[in-house]
Amino acid sequence: MRRILPLFAVLALLAGCAAQPRSPIHEDGEDQASEAFSTYLSARFAAGEHDLPQAAQYYGKALDRDPANPSLLALSFFYSTTSGDFDAAGKYAAQVIAATPDDRAARLALAVIGFRHKDYVEVRKQLALSAKGPFTVLTLSLFDAWGAAATRDTAAMQKDLQSLADQKGAESMAAFHTALLQDYLGNPAAAEAAYKKALGSNAPTPRVLEAYGRFLERAGRGGEAAALYRSHQNEGGLATVVQPGLQRIAANQKPEPLIRNPADGAAEALFGIAASLTDAQSADVSILYLRMALYLRPDLGLAQVLLADRFESLRKFEAAISIYHGIEPASPYFRMAQIQAALDEQRLGKNDDAIADLKKLVASKPDDSESWVALGDTYRASEKFAEAVDAYDHAEKIIGTPTRRDWPMYYARAMSKEKLKQLDASEADIQAALKLSPEQPELLNYLGYSWVDRGRNIPAALTMLEKARSLRPYDGYIVDSVGWAYYQLGRYDDAAKTLEAAVLLVPGDPTINDHLGDALWKAGRHIDARFQWNHAITFSDDETDKASIERKLKNGLG
C-alpha cells in the first residue's frame, strides 16, 4: 500500500506535544524541587531513548506534581498510549479535552476506547467533536464509516467513503475499506466489486489478498480462491496468506471473515495508516497507531509484526523480541516472527539464545528451509562455520531446485566455506549464486576479489569487479577491489587513483589504507604511501597486519 499523508498523522497526534514544558515543579523545599526536576529529566531521557513505558511512567509522575502543566499532560497522554496503557491514556485524554475540547489525538483515543466497548454512539460523538483539517480526513472518515456501519447508518457510511476516495493517494485504502464494509454489511456484489478494485489498484498487499480470498472461500468459490492464491504463490511476501488459504481449501474448511465486527474494521484502518508511515521520523506515531490497533484486536498478527519492526528501526531489540515471542503459534506469522526474534538476539550478542530458539524451530518443522538458513546465519555470526555449512546443506536439500530468491543462501555458505579454507567449494557456491542472480554486485565483488587475492584470472576478475562498481558506484569496498585488481595488473597510477576514491568512501578501514599505501609506493609517491600506512596501523587491531605494515614503513616495497 502506498504511503499516505504522513504529515497528517504527525499533526493529528502530536498537536500540542511539541512545546517544551515550563519548569516542571514549583514546590517548597529544595529536595522536592530537585526530585521533581530529576523525574522530568528521567522522562526526557526515556523518551529520547524510545523507552516508551519508562517515559510514560516518569511523565505521569511529573504530571502528578504539576497537574496544571498542559505540556506534561500531552506527553503523559502520548507515551501512555504508545506504551499500550489505555486505562491511563483514557484518563489523560479526558483531561486533555476538558482543556482543549477539539483536540484531535485525545478524541481519536476516546473513539478507539468507544469501539472497544461497542459504544458506537460515543465513537461518532468523539469524532464529530474532533478538530477538522486537511490531514484529519483519512482517520476521521475511516473511523466514522465503521461507526456508521455499526449503527446501520449507510448514508453516512457512503458519505465518509466518498470523502476518503476524494483524498489523493488514499484511493487504494478507500476501495479496500469499501469492500470490507460491504462484506460486513452482507452486500456481496458491492463487496466483490470493491475487492477487485483494491486488488488491481497496486501490487496486492497481504491484507487485501487475504480478505478477498476469504470472501471467495466463504461464498463456496474455493476453486476461484485457490486460483487467486496460486497466482501469487511465488511472491515471497504473500506466502503467509497463500499457504494457509490453500490448506483451508484442501481441507474444505471455511474461514471466518477478515473483519468480524466494527472494532476489527477500526483496527484494520489504524494498521493501514501505520503501515503507510515508513520514514524513521514517524516511527513513534506509527507505534501509537499500532498500539491502538492491537488494543482493538489483540490477535492482529501482522500488526504485531509491524510493531516489532518499528521497534527494530529504533534499535529497541529487546522490545521487538518480546513482541515476536508473543505471537501465537497458530498465527501464520509465527515462524517468520521467531526467525526475526533470533536475528534480534544476534544483534544483541545473544547468539546462544538465537541458536537454541532456531534449533527448536527446525525441530518442530524440519522441512522449513528458511528456518535452516536462519540457523546457518546464526552459526556463521557465532563463527561456528562447520555447523553453519551443515545448516545450509539442510536448506539446500529442502529447496531442491533453487530459484533466484535463493542466491543469498549460496553466498552465505560460500563465506562459511572460505573461513574453513575450503576455497574451491566456496567458489563453486559463488558461481551457483551468480547463475541464479548474475547482476548481484556482492557476488561479483566476492568472486572477483577472491580471484585477485589468490592471483587467479585477474583480467576476468577486473571485468567482473568493474561491472560490480557500475552497479554500486558508491560502495567503497567494491571500489577497493577494483583498485586492488589494477595494482595486481601493474596499473599503479590507476590503482592509486581508484583506491584514493575508496578511502574517501570508507574512511578508517585499515585494509583500504594499506592497499592505497602500496599503490602509492609503486606509483613513486613514497611520502604519501607512508602517510597511508601510518593510518592503516592506527586503524588496525590485528597485530599480524600491524607487523607487516611496520616492515613496509621501515623498508618500503621491493
Protein backbone atom coordinates (compact mmCIF):
# COMPACT_ATOMS: atom_id res chain seq x y z
CA MET A 1 0.00 0.00 0.00
CA ARG A 2 1.41 3.37 -0.95
CA ARG A 3 2.44 5.86 1.71
CA ILE A 4 -0.46 8.19 2.63
CA LEU A 5 -0.17 11.67 4.09
CA PRO A 6 2.30 11.09 6.95
CA LEU A 7 2.19 14.77 7.86
CA PHE A 8 -1.45 14.33 8.87
CA ALA A 9 -0.52 11.71 11.40
CA VAL A 10 2.21 13.83 12.89
CA LEU A 11 -0.02 16.87 13.18
CA ALA A 12 -3.04 14.97 14.37
CA LEU A 13 -1.31 13.02 17.08
CA LEU A 14 1.38 15.35 18.28
CA ALA A 15 -0.56 18.61 18.26
CA GLY A 16 0.29 20.31 21.49
CA CYS A 17 3.05 17.83 22.36
CA ALA A 18 5.97 19.60 20.78
CA ALA A 19 6.09 22.57 23.12
CA GLN A 20 8.68 22.39 25.86
CA PRO A 21 7.15 22.17 29.33
CA ARG A 22 7.78 25.07 31.59
CA SER A 23 9.99 24.47 34.60
CA PRO A 24 8.10 21.44 35.82
CA ILE A 25 7.63 21.84 39.53
CA HIS A 26 7.19 24.74 41.91
CA GLU A 27 7.07 23.37 45.44
CA ASP A 28 8.53 24.40 48.73
CA GLY A 29 11.83 22.80 49.59
CA GLU A 30 14.94 22.25 47.58
CA ASP A 31 14.71 18.45 47.92
CA GLN A 32 11.22 18.34 46.43
CA ALA A 33 12.21 20.65 43.59
CA SER A 34 15.33 18.59 42.92
CA GLU A 35 13.33 15.34 42.89
CA ALA A 36 10.74 16.86 40.58
CA PHE A 37 13.35 18.08 38.13
CA SER A 38 15.09 14.70 38.26
CA THR A 39 11.79 12.99 37.39
CA TYR A 40 11.30 15.31 34.44
CA LEU A 41 14.85 14.73 33.18
CA SER A 42 14.33 10.97 33.53
CA ALA A 43 11.18 11.29 31.42
CA ARG A 44 13.02 13.26 28.74
CA PHE A 45 15.86 10.75 28.70
CA ALA A 46 13.50 7.77 28.44
CA ALA A 47 11.61 9.46 25.60
CA GLY A 48 14.86 10.20 23.79
CA GLU A 49 15.83 6.53 24.12
CA HIS A 50 12.37 5.46 22.90
CA ASP A 51 11.79 3.63 26.17
CA LEU A 52 8.07 4.25 25.96
CA PRO A 53 6.86 2.61 29.21
CA GLN A 54 9.53 4.44 31.21
CA ALA A 55 8.70 7.72 29.50
CA ALA A 56 5.01 7.22 30.33
CA GLN A 57 5.82 6.41 33.96
CA TYR A 58 8.10 9.41 34.51
CA TYR A 59 5.91 11.90 32.68
CA GLY A 60 2.96 10.64 34.72
CA LYS A 61 4.89 11.24 37.95
CA ALA A 62 5.91 14.71 36.78
CA LEU A 63 2.27 15.48 35.93
CA ASP A 64 1.15 14.36 39.39
CA ARG A 65 3.41 17.05 40.83
CA ASP A 66 2.33 19.71 38.34
CA PRO A 67 -1.21 18.78 37.20
CA ALA A 68 -1.88 22.16 35.57
CA ASN A 69 1.00 21.79 33.11
CA PRO A 70 -0.56 21.22 29.65
CA SER A 71 2.66 20.02 28.02
CA LEU A 72 3.22 17.38 30.68
CA LEU A 73 -0.39 16.27 30.23
CA ALA A 74 0.04 15.96 26.45
CA LEU A 75 3.27 13.99 26.85
CA SER A 76 1.77 11.72 29.53
CA PHE A 77 -1.14 11.01 27.19
CA PHE A 78 1.10 10.33 24.19
CA TYR A 79 3.52 7.99 25.96
CA SER A 80 0.86 6.07 27.87
CA THR A 81 -0.82 5.41 24.52
CA THR A 82 2.36 4.40 22.70
CA SER A 83 3.25 2.06 25.56
CA GLY A 84 -0.18 0.41 25.31
CA ASP A 85 -1.62 1.58 28.66
CA PHE A 86 -5.12 2.55 27.55
CA ASP A 87 -6.51 2.87 31.07
CA ALA A 88 -4.08 5.73 31.66
CA ALA A 89 -4.49 7.01 28.10
CA GLY A 90 -8.26 7.29 28.52
CA LYS A 91 -7.85 9.18 31.77
CA TYR A 92 -5.37 11.61 30.26
CA ALA A 93 -7.46 12.04 27.08
CA ALA A 94 -10.45 13.11 29.20
CA GLN A 95 -8.26 15.70 30.92
CA VAL A 96 -6.93 16.94 27.57
CA ILE A 97 -10.38 17.57 26.08
CA ALA A 98 -11.51 19.27 29.27
CA ALA A 99 -8.91 21.91 28.47
CA THR A 100 -8.95 21.65 24.66
CA PRO A 101 -12.34 20.29 23.57
CA ASP A 102 -11.45 19.65 19.93
CA ASP A 103 -8.03 18.01 20.50
CA ARG A 104 -7.70 15.50 17.68
CA ALA A 105 -5.39 12.97 19.32
CA ALA A 106 -7.44 12.78 22.53
CA ARG A 107 -10.73 12.47 20.64
CA LEU A 108 -9.25 9.70 18.49
CA ALA A 109 -8.11 7.78 21.58
CA LEU A 110 -11.56 8.09 23.16
CA ALA A 111 -13.15 6.90 19.90
CA VAL A 112 -10.85 3.84 19.97
CA ILE A 113 -11.92 3.11 23.53
CA GLY A 114 -15.55 3.51 22.40
CA PHE A 115 -15.03 0.88 19.69
CA ARG A 116 -13.53 -1.47 22.24
CA HIS A 117 -16.66 -1.13 24.42
CA LYS A 118 -19.07 -1.30 21.45
CA ASP A 119 -20.36 2.18 22.25
CA TYR A 120 -20.72 3.33 18.65
CA VAL A 121 -22.78 6.40 19.51
CA GLU A 122 -19.88 7.53 21.71
CA VAL A 123 -17.44 6.76 18.89
CA ARG A 124 -19.23 9.03 16.43
CA LYS A 125 -19.70 11.71 19.06
CA GLN A 126 -15.96 11.83 19.75
CA LEU A 127 -15.18 12.02 16.03
CA ALA A 128 -17.76 14.77 15.47
CA LEU A 129 -16.19 16.88 18.23
CA SER A 130 -12.65 16.48 16.87
CA ALA A 131 -10.96 19.38 15.14
CA LYS A 132 -11.17 19.11 11.36
CA GLY A 133 -8.42 19.82 8.90
CA PRO A 134 -6.78 18.63 5.69
CA PHE A 135 -4.72 15.99 7.49
CA THR A 136 -7.53 14.51 9.59
CA VAL A 137 -9.86 13.38 6.81
CA LEU A 138 -8.29 9.94 6.48
CA THR A 139 -8.69 8.79 10.08
CA LEU A 140 -11.98 10.55 10.76
CA SER A 141 -13.58 9.22 7.56
CA LEU A 142 -12.47 5.65 8.16
CA PHE A 143 -13.47 5.63 11.81
CA ASP A 144 -16.82 7.28 11.23
CA ALA A 145 -17.56 4.88 8.35
CA TRP A 146 -17.12 1.91 10.67
CA GLY A 147 -19.12 3.62 13.43
CA ALA A 148 -21.88 4.37 10.91
CA ALA A 149 -21.85 0.77 9.65
CA ALA A 150 -22.17 -0.47 13.22
CA THR A 151 -25.37 1.58 13.65
CA ARG A 152 -26.53 0.74 10.08
CA ASP A 153 -26.35 4.39 9.03
CA THR A 154 -25.40 3.50 5.45
CA ALA A 155 -25.95 7.02 4.10
CA ALA A 156 -23.33 8.42 6.50
CA MET A 157 -21.04 5.50 5.73
CA GLN A 158 -21.23 6.19 1.99
CA LYS A 159 -20.55 9.88 2.59
CA ASP A 160 -17.46 9.00 4.64
CA LEU A 161 -16.19 6.63 1.96
CA GLN A 162 -16.66 9.24 -0.75
CA SER A 163 -14.76 11.76 1.35
CA LEU A 164 -11.98 9.21 1.71
CA ALA A 165 -11.92 8.37 -2.01
CA ASP A 166 -11.58 12.06 -2.83
CA GLN A 167 -8.26 12.21 -0.98
CA LYS A 168 -5.32 11.98 -3.37
CA GLY A 169 -3.24 8.92 -2.53
CA ALA A 170 -5.99 7.24 -0.49
CA GLU A 171 -7.78 5.53 -3.39
CA SER A 172 -6.49 2.04 -2.54
CA MET A 173 -7.45 2.35 1.09
CA ALA A 174 -10.89 3.68 0.14
CA ALA A 175 -11.51 0.70 -2.16
CA PHE A 176 -10.30 -1.80 0.44
CA HIS A 177 -12.45 -0.44 3.25
CA THR A 178 -15.43 -0.13 0.93
CA ALA A 179 -15.04 -3.87 0.27
CA LEU A 180 -14.65 -4.70 3.96
CA LEU A 181 -17.67 -2.57 4.94
CA GLN A 182 -19.92 -4.02 2.22
CA ASP A 183 -18.75 -7.52 3.15
CA TYR A 184 -19.53 -6.81 6.82
CA LEU A 185 -23.00 -5.48 5.91
CA GLY A 186 -23.78 -8.53 3.78
CA ASN A 187 -23.70 -6.94 0.33
CA PRO A 188 -21.62 -9.48 -1.65
CA ALA A 189 -21.91 -7.92 -5.12
CA ALA A 190 -20.76 -4.49 -3.93
CA ALA A 191 -18.08 -6.09 -1.78
CA GLU A 192 -16.64 -8.14 -4.65
CA ALA A 193 -16.51 -5.17 -6.99
CA ALA A 194 -14.58 -3.18 -4.38
CA TYR A 195 -12.28 -6.12 -3.58
CA LYS A 196 -11.34 -6.40 -7.27
CA LYS A 197 -10.72 -2.67 -7.44
CA ALA A 198 -8.48 -2.79 -4.35
CA LEU A 199 -6.63 -5.84 -5.68
CA GLY A 200 -5.97 -4.23 -9.05
CA SER A 201 -5.02 -0.74 -7.92
CA ASN A 202 -1.50 -1.66 -6.75
CA ALA A 203 0.67 -4.69 -6.12
CA PRO A 204 -1.54 -6.69 -3.73
CA THR A 205 -0.89 -6.37 -0.03
CA PRO A 206 -1.27 -9.42 2.24
CA ARG A 207 -4.39 -7.93 3.82
CA VAL A 208 -6.19 -7.27 0.52
CA LEU A 209 -5.31 -10.70 -0.84
CA GLU A 210 -6.38 -12.43 2.36
CA ALA A 211 -9.65 -10.51 2.64
CA TYR A 212 -10.71 -11.28 -0.95
CA GLY A 213 -9.56 -14.89 -0.72
CA ARG A 214 -11.56 -15.43 2.44
CA PHE A 215 -14.55 -13.76 0.79
CA LEU A 216 -14.41 -16.25 -2.09
CA GLU A 217 -13.91 -19.22 0.25
CA ARG A 218 -16.89 -18.24 2.39
CA ALA A 219 -19.02 -17.88 -0.74
CA GLY A 220 -18.29 -21.51 -1.67
CA ARG A 221 -16.00 -20.48 -4.53
CA GLY A 222 -12.97 -22.43 -3.37
CA GLY A 223 -11.69 -23.04 -6.88
CA GLU A 224 -11.56 -19.32 -7.62
CA ALA A 225 -9.92 -18.66 -4.26
CA ALA A 226 -7.29 -21.34 -4.94
CA ALA A 227 -6.57 -19.83 -8.36
CA LEU A 228 -6.21 -16.41 -6.75
CA TYR A 229 -3.79 -17.73 -4.14
CA ARG A 230 -1.73 -19.70 -6.67
CA SER A 231 -1.36 -16.65 -8.88
CA HIS A 232 0.64 -15.06 -6.05
CA GLN A 233 2.41 -18.10 -4.59
CA ASN A 234 5.82 -17.10 -5.95
CA GLU A 235 5.68 -13.70 -4.26
CA GLY A 236 7.60 -14.24 -1.04
CA GLY A 237 5.83 -11.57 0.98
CA LEU A 238 2.43 -13.21 0.37
CA ALA A 239 3.37 -16.76 1.44
CA THR A 240 1.81 -16.26 4.88
CA VAL A 241 -1.55 -15.71 3.15
CA VAL A 242 -1.25 -18.16 0.23
CA GLN A 243 -0.23 -21.27 2.14
CA PRO A 244 -2.93 -21.15 4.87
CA GLY A 245 -5.54 -20.34 2.22
CA LEU A 246 -4.63 -23.34 0.08
CA GLN A 247 -4.52 -25.57 3.16
CA ARG A 248 -8.04 -24.49 4.19
CA ILE A 249 -9.37 -25.17 0.71
CA ALA A 250 -7.72 -28.61 0.62
CA ALA A 251 -9.31 -29.43 3.99
CA ASN A 252 -12.68 -27.99 2.89
CA GLN A 253 -12.64 -25.55 5.82
CA LYS A 254 -14.43 -22.22 5.55
CA PRO A 255 -12.71 -19.29 7.28
CA GLU A 256 -14.33 -16.51 9.22
CA PRO A 257 -14.36 -13.09 7.55
CA LEU A 258 -11.30 -10.92 7.92
CA ILE A 259 -13.47 -8.34 9.73
CA ARG A 260 -15.75 -9.81 12.37
CA ASN A 261 -17.04 -6.63 13.97
CA PRO A 262 -16.66 -2.82 13.74
CA ALA A 263 -13.72 -2.82 16.17
CA ASP A 264 -11.85 -5.11 13.76
CA GLY A 265 -12.60 -2.63 10.97
CA ALA A 266 -11.25 0.28 13.01
CA ALA A 267 -8.16 -1.78 13.87
CA GLU A 268 -7.64 -2.51 10.17
CA ALA A 269 -7.84 1.22 9.44
CA LEU A 270 -5.26 2.01 12.11
CA PHE A 271 -2.97 -0.74 10.85
CA GLY A 272 -3.21 0.55 7.28
CA ILE A 273 -2.28 4.09 8.32
CA ALA A 274 0.60 2.82 10.48
CA ALA A 275 1.92 0.74 7.58
CA SER A 276 1.97 3.85 5.38
CA LEU A 277 4.27 5.70 7.82
CA THR A 278 7.58 4.29 6.67
CA ASP A 279 10.04 7.11 7.40
CA ALA A 280 12.15 6.99 10.55
CA GLN A 281 10.75 10.29 11.83
CA SER A 282 7.26 8.79 12.00
CA ALA A 283 8.21 5.64 13.94
CA ASP A 284 6.72 6.80 17.27
CA VAL A 285 3.49 7.88 15.57
CA SER A 286 3.29 4.56 13.73
CA ILE A 287 3.74 2.79 17.07
CA LEU A 288 0.86 4.80 18.51
CA TYR A 289 -1.48 3.69 15.70
CA LEU A 290 -0.35 0.08 16.07
CA ARG A 291 -0.92 0.13 19.82
CA MET A 292 -4.44 1.37 19.17
CA ALA A 293 -4.99 -1.33 16.54
CA LEU A 294 -3.81 -4.07 18.90
CA TYR A 295 -5.92 -2.66 21.74
CA LEU A 296 -8.93 -3.21 19.48
CA ARG A 297 -7.75 -6.51 18.00
CA PRO A 298 -5.01 -8.25 20.01
CA ASP A 299 -4.85 -11.14 17.50
CA LEU A 300 -3.92 -8.91 14.55
CA GLY A 301 -0.67 -10.75 13.86
CA LEU A 302 0.53 -8.54 11.04
CA ALA A 303 0.20 -5.51 13.33
CA GLN A 304 2.35 -7.30 15.92
CA VAL A 305 4.98 -7.98 13.27
CA LEU A 306 4.92 -4.37 12.10
CA LEU A 307 5.09 -3.08 15.68
CA ALA A 308 8.17 -5.20 16.33
CA ASP A 309 9.65 -3.90 13.07
CA ARG A 310 9.11 -0.32 14.22
CA PHE A 311 10.96 -1.06 17.46
CA GLU A 312 13.79 -2.58 15.42
CA SER A 313 14.03 0.64 13.42
CA LEU A 314 14.53 2.42 16.76
CA ARG A 315 17.10 -0.23 17.79
CA LYS A 316 14.90 -1.35 20.67
CA PHE A 317 15.60 -5.00 20.03
CA GLU A 318 14.50 -6.31 23.44
CA ALA A 319 11.06 -4.80 22.89
CA ALA A 320 10.91 -6.29 19.39
CA ILE A 321 11.88 -9.75 20.67
CA SER A 322 9.17 -9.60 23.34
CA ILE A 323 6.55 -8.79 20.71
CA TYR A 324 7.73 -11.52 18.34
CA HIS A 325 7.68 -14.08 21.13
CA GLY A 326 4.13 -13.00 22.00
CA ILE A 327 2.76 -14.08 18.60
CA GLU A 328 0.67 -17.22 18.95
CA PRO A 329 1.96 -20.47 17.36
CA ALA A 330 -1.30 -20.74 15.40
CA SER A 331 -0.59 -17.44 13.64
CA PRO A 332 0.64 -17.69 10.03
CA TYR A 333 3.29 -15.17 11.04
CA PHE A 334 4.64 -17.27 13.93
CA ARG A 335 7.65 -18.87 12.22
CA MET A 336 8.65 -15.69 10.46
CA ALA A 337 8.43 -13.85 13.78
CA GLN A 338 10.60 -16.40 15.59
CA ILE A 339 13.26 -16.16 12.89
CA GLN A 340 13.23 -12.40 13.19
CA ALA A 341 13.42 -12.64 17.00
CA ALA A 342 16.52 -14.81 16.65
CA LEU A 343 18.07 -12.20 14.34
CA ASP A 344 17.42 -9.55 17.01
CA GLU A 345 19.01 -11.80 19.64
CA GLN A 346 22.04 -11.94 17.33
CA ARG A 347 22.10 -8.17 17.18
CA LEU A 348 22.21 -8.09 20.97
CA GLY A 349 25.09 -10.58 21.02
CA LYS A 350 22.85 -13.35 22.37
CA ASN A 351 23.93 -15.87 19.75
CA ASP A 352 23.48 -18.88 22.03
CA ASP A 353 19.87 -17.89 22.71
CA ALA A 354 19.27 -17.38 19.00
CA ILE A 355 20.75 -20.78 18.15
CA ALA A 356 18.67 -22.51 20.84
CA ASP A 357 15.47 -20.87 19.59
CA LEU A 358 16.16 -21.72 15.96
CA LYS A 359 17.06 -25.33 16.77
CA LYS A 360 13.63 -25.67 18.39
CA LEU A 361 12.08 -24.13 15.29
CA VAL A 362 13.76 -26.55 12.85
CA ALA A 363 12.95 -29.47 15.13
CA SER A 364 9.25 -28.55 15.07
CA LYS A 365 9.22 -28.36 11.25
CA PRO A 366 12.34 -29.88 9.68
CA ASP A 367 11.18 -29.17 6.11
CA ASP A 368 11.22 -25.37 6.53
CA SER A 369 14.21 -24.16 4.53
CA GLU A 370 14.01 -20.57 5.83
CA SER A 371 14.48 -21.77 9.42
CA TRP A 372 17.57 -23.76 8.40
CA VAL A 373 19.01 -20.73 6.56
CA ALA A 374 18.40 -18.56 9.63
CA LEU A 375 20.13 -21.17 11.80
CA GLY A 376 23.06 -21.21 9.39
CA ASP A 377 23.29 -17.44 9.50
CA THR A 378 23.32 -17.52 13.29
CA TYR A 379 26.03 -20.17 13.41
CA ARG A 380 28.06 -18.07 10.96
CA ALA A 381 27.64 -14.97 13.16
CA SER A 382 28.92 -17.11 16.05
CA GLU A 383 31.93 -18.18 13.95
CA LYS A 384 30.74 -21.81 14.03
CA PHE A 385 31.38 -22.26 10.35
CA ALA A 386 31.17 -26.04 10.09
CA GLU A 387 27.77 -26.00 11.80
CA ALA A 388 26.71 -23.16 9.50
CA VAL A 389 27.62 -25.19 6.40
CA ASP A 390 25.67 -28.16 7.75
CA ALA A 391 22.57 -25.99 8.29
CA TYR A 392 22.85 -24.53 4.79
CA ASP A 393 23.21 -28.06 3.39
CA HIS A 394 19.90 -28.99 5.05
CA ALA A 395 18.28 -25.93 3.50
CA GLU A 396 19.62 -26.79 0.04
CA LYS A 397 18.16 -30.30 0.21
CA ILE A 398 14.74 -28.92 1.14
CA ILE A 399 14.83 -26.25 -1.57
CA GLY A 400 15.50 -28.79 -4.30
CA THR A 401 15.65 -26.75 -7.49
CA PRO A 402 16.79 -23.29 -6.44
CA THR A 403 15.32 -20.05 -7.78
CA ARG A 404 16.66 -16.51 -7.94
CA ARG A 405 15.50 -15.77 -4.39
CA ASP A 406 17.83 -18.49 -3.03
CA TRP A 407 21.11 -16.83 -4.03
CA PRO A 408 21.80 -15.40 -0.52
CA MET A 409 21.94 -18.93 0.93
CA TYR A 410 24.69 -19.96 -1.51
CA TYR A 411 26.55 -16.72 -0.82
CA ALA A 412 26.37 -17.30 2.94
CA ARG A 413 27.58 -20.89 2.57
CA ALA A 414 30.44 -19.70 0.36
CA MET A 415 31.60 -17.29 3.08
CA SER A 416 31.44 -20.07 5.68
CA LYS A 417 33.44 -22.44 3.48
CA GLU A 418 36.06 -19.78 2.88
CA LYS A 419 36.55 -19.49 6.64
CA LEU A 420 37.06 -23.26 6.70
CA LYS A 421 39.73 -22.87 3.94
CA GLN A 422 37.51 -24.79 1.51
CA LEU A 423 38.30 -22.31 -1.24
CA ASP A 424 37.27 -24.36 -4.27
CA ALA A 425 33.96 -25.30 -2.65
CA SER A 426 33.41 -21.67 -1.69
CA GLU A 427 33.99 -20.57 -5.27
CA ALA A 428 31.53 -23.21 -6.52
CA ASP A 429 28.82 -21.77 -4.28
CA ILE A 430 29.50 -18.24 -5.52
CA GLN A 431 29.29 -19.47 -9.11
CA ALA A 432 25.97 -21.15 -8.27
CA ALA A 433 24.68 -17.95 -6.73
CA LEU A 434 25.77 -15.94 -9.80
CA LYS A 435 23.83 -18.30 -12.07
CA LEU A 436 20.72 -17.54 -10.02
CA SER A 437 21.33 -13.77 -9.87
CA PRO A 438 24.03 -12.59 -12.29
CA GLU A 439 23.65 -8.89 -11.51
CA GLN A 440 24.32 -9.03 -7.76
CA PRO A 441 27.25 -6.69 -7.02
CA GLU A 442 28.03 -8.54 -3.74
CA LEU A 443 28.60 -11.77 -5.64
CA LEU A 444 30.62 -10.15 -8.41
CA ASN A 445 32.80 -8.41 -5.84
CA TYR A 446 33.25 -11.50 -3.68
CA LEU A 447 34.36 -13.76 -6.52
CA GLY A 448 36.37 -11.09 -8.31
CA TYR A 449 38.28 -10.08 -5.18
CA SER A 450 38.94 -13.70 -4.22
CA TRP A 451 40.50 -14.28 -7.64
CA VAL A 452 42.61 -11.14 -7.33
CA ASP A 453 43.67 -12.05 -3.80
CA ARG A 454 44.69 -15.54 -4.98
CA GLY A 455 46.40 -14.22 -8.13
CA ARG A 456 43.99 -16.04 -10.44
CA ASN A 457 42.05 -14.91 -13.52
CA ILE A 458 42.91 -11.29 -12.79
CA PRO A 459 41.80 -9.79 -16.15
CA ALA A 460 38.46 -11.61 -15.86
CA ALA A 461 38.25 -10.58 -12.20
CA LEU A 462 38.76 -6.93 -13.15
CA THR A 463 35.93 -7.11 -15.70
CA MET A 464 33.70 -8.61 -13.02
CA LEU A 465 34.68 -6.00 -10.44
CA GLU A 466 34.19 -3.08 -12.82
CA LYS A 467 30.69 -4.41 -13.50
CA ALA A 468 30.04 -4.55 -9.74
CA ARG A 469 31.29 -0.97 -9.43
CA SER A 470 28.95 0.20 -12.20
CA LEU A 471 26.04 -1.37 -10.32
CA ARG A 472 27.07 0.11 -6.98
CA PRO A 473 29.42 3.06 -7.62
CA TYR A 474 29.45 4.38 -4.04
CA ASP A 475 30.35 1.11 -2.32
CA GLY A 476 33.88 1.76 -1.05
CA TYR A 477 34.69 -1.93 -0.65
CA ILE A 478 33.85 -2.66 -4.28
CA VAL A 479 35.91 0.36 -5.36
CA ASP A 480 38.79 -1.00 -3.25
CA SER A 481 38.52 -4.36 -5.05
CA VAL A 482 38.76 -2.62 -8.44
CA GLY A 483 41.79 -0.64 -7.29
CA TRP A 484 43.50 -3.76 -5.96
CA ALA A 485 42.91 -5.55 -9.26
CA TYR A 486 44.60 -2.63 -11.06
CA TYR A 487 47.52 -2.97 -8.62
CA GLN A 488 47.90 -6.69 -9.30
CA LEU A 489 47.95 -5.93 -13.05
CA GLY A 490 50.72 -3.37 -12.53
CA ARG A 491 48.50 -0.39 -13.37
CA TYR A 492 49.76 1.55 -10.35
CA ASP A 493 48.56 5.04 -11.29
CA ASP A 494 45.05 3.70 -11.96
CA ALA A 495 45.21 1.75 -8.71
CA ALA A 496 46.24 4.80 -6.68
CA LYS A 497 43.51 6.98 -8.19
CA THR A 498 40.83 4.31 -7.59
CA LEU A 499 41.98 3.49 -4.07
CA GLU A 500 42.00 7.18 -3.15
CA ALA A 501 38.31 7.20 -4.09
CA ALA A 502 37.76 4.08 -1.94
CA VAL A 503 39.37 5.75 1.10
CA LEU A 504 37.01 8.71 0.73
CA LEU A 505 34.02 6.36 0.61
CA VAL A 506 35.14 4.22 3.59
CA PRO A 507 37.43 6.33 5.77
CA GLY A 508 39.18 4.49 8.54
CA ASP A 509 39.32 1.00 7.00
CA PRO A 510 42.86 -0.33 7.57
CA THR A 511 42.86 -2.70 4.57
CA ILE A 512 41.89 0.05 2.13
CA ASN A 513 44.50 2.43 3.58
CA ASP A 514 47.11 -0.35 3.34
CA HIS A 515 46.19 -1.06 -0.29
CA LEU A 516 46.40 2.65 -1.10
CA GLY A 517 49.80 2.88 0.54
CA ASP A 518 51.09 0.01 -1.61
CA ALA A 519 49.72 1.59 -4.79
CA LEU A 520 51.17 5.00 -3.96
CA TRP A 521 54.60 3.48 -3.29
CA LYS A 522 54.59 1.66 -6.61
CA ALA A 523 53.47 4.88 -8.31
CA GLY A 524 56.57 6.61 -6.88
CA ARG A 525 54.74 8.65 -4.21
CA HIS A 526 56.69 7.33 -1.23
CA ILE A 527 55.82 10.06 1.29
CA ASP A 528 52.12 9.67 0.55
CA ALA A 529 52.48 5.90 0.84
CA ARG A 530 53.98 6.10 4.32
CA PHE A 531 51.19 8.50 5.34
CA GLN A 532 48.57 5.90 4.34
CA TRP A 533 50.45 3.03 6.01
CA ASN A 534 50.58 5.02 9.23
CA HIS A 535 46.81 5.45 9.00
CA ALA A 536 46.42 1.71 8.41
CA ILE A 537 48.41 0.91 11.58
CA THR A 538 46.34 3.38 13.58
CA PHE A 539 43.04 1.87 12.41
CA SER A 540 44.07 -1.81 12.57
CA ASP A 541 43.51 -4.06 15.58
CA ASP A 542 45.28 -7.06 14.03
CA GLU A 543 48.85 -7.48 15.31
CA THR A 544 49.95 -9.55 12.30
CA ASP A 545 48.77 -6.85 9.92
CA LYS A 546 50.45 -4.17 12.01
CA ALA A 547 53.77 -6.03 11.89
CA SER A 548 53.55 -6.33 8.11
CA ILE A 549 52.83 -2.63 7.72
CA GLU A 550 55.65 -1.68 10.08
CA ARG A 551 58.08 -3.59 7.85
CA LYS A 552 56.83 -1.59 4.85
CA LEU A 553 57.24 1.64 6.78
CA LYS A 554 60.81 0.69 7.53
CA ASN A 555 61.87 -0.81 4.22
CA GLY A 556 59.27 0.24 1.67
CA LEU A 557 58.25 -2.23 -1.06
CA GLY A 558 60.76 -4.15 -3.11
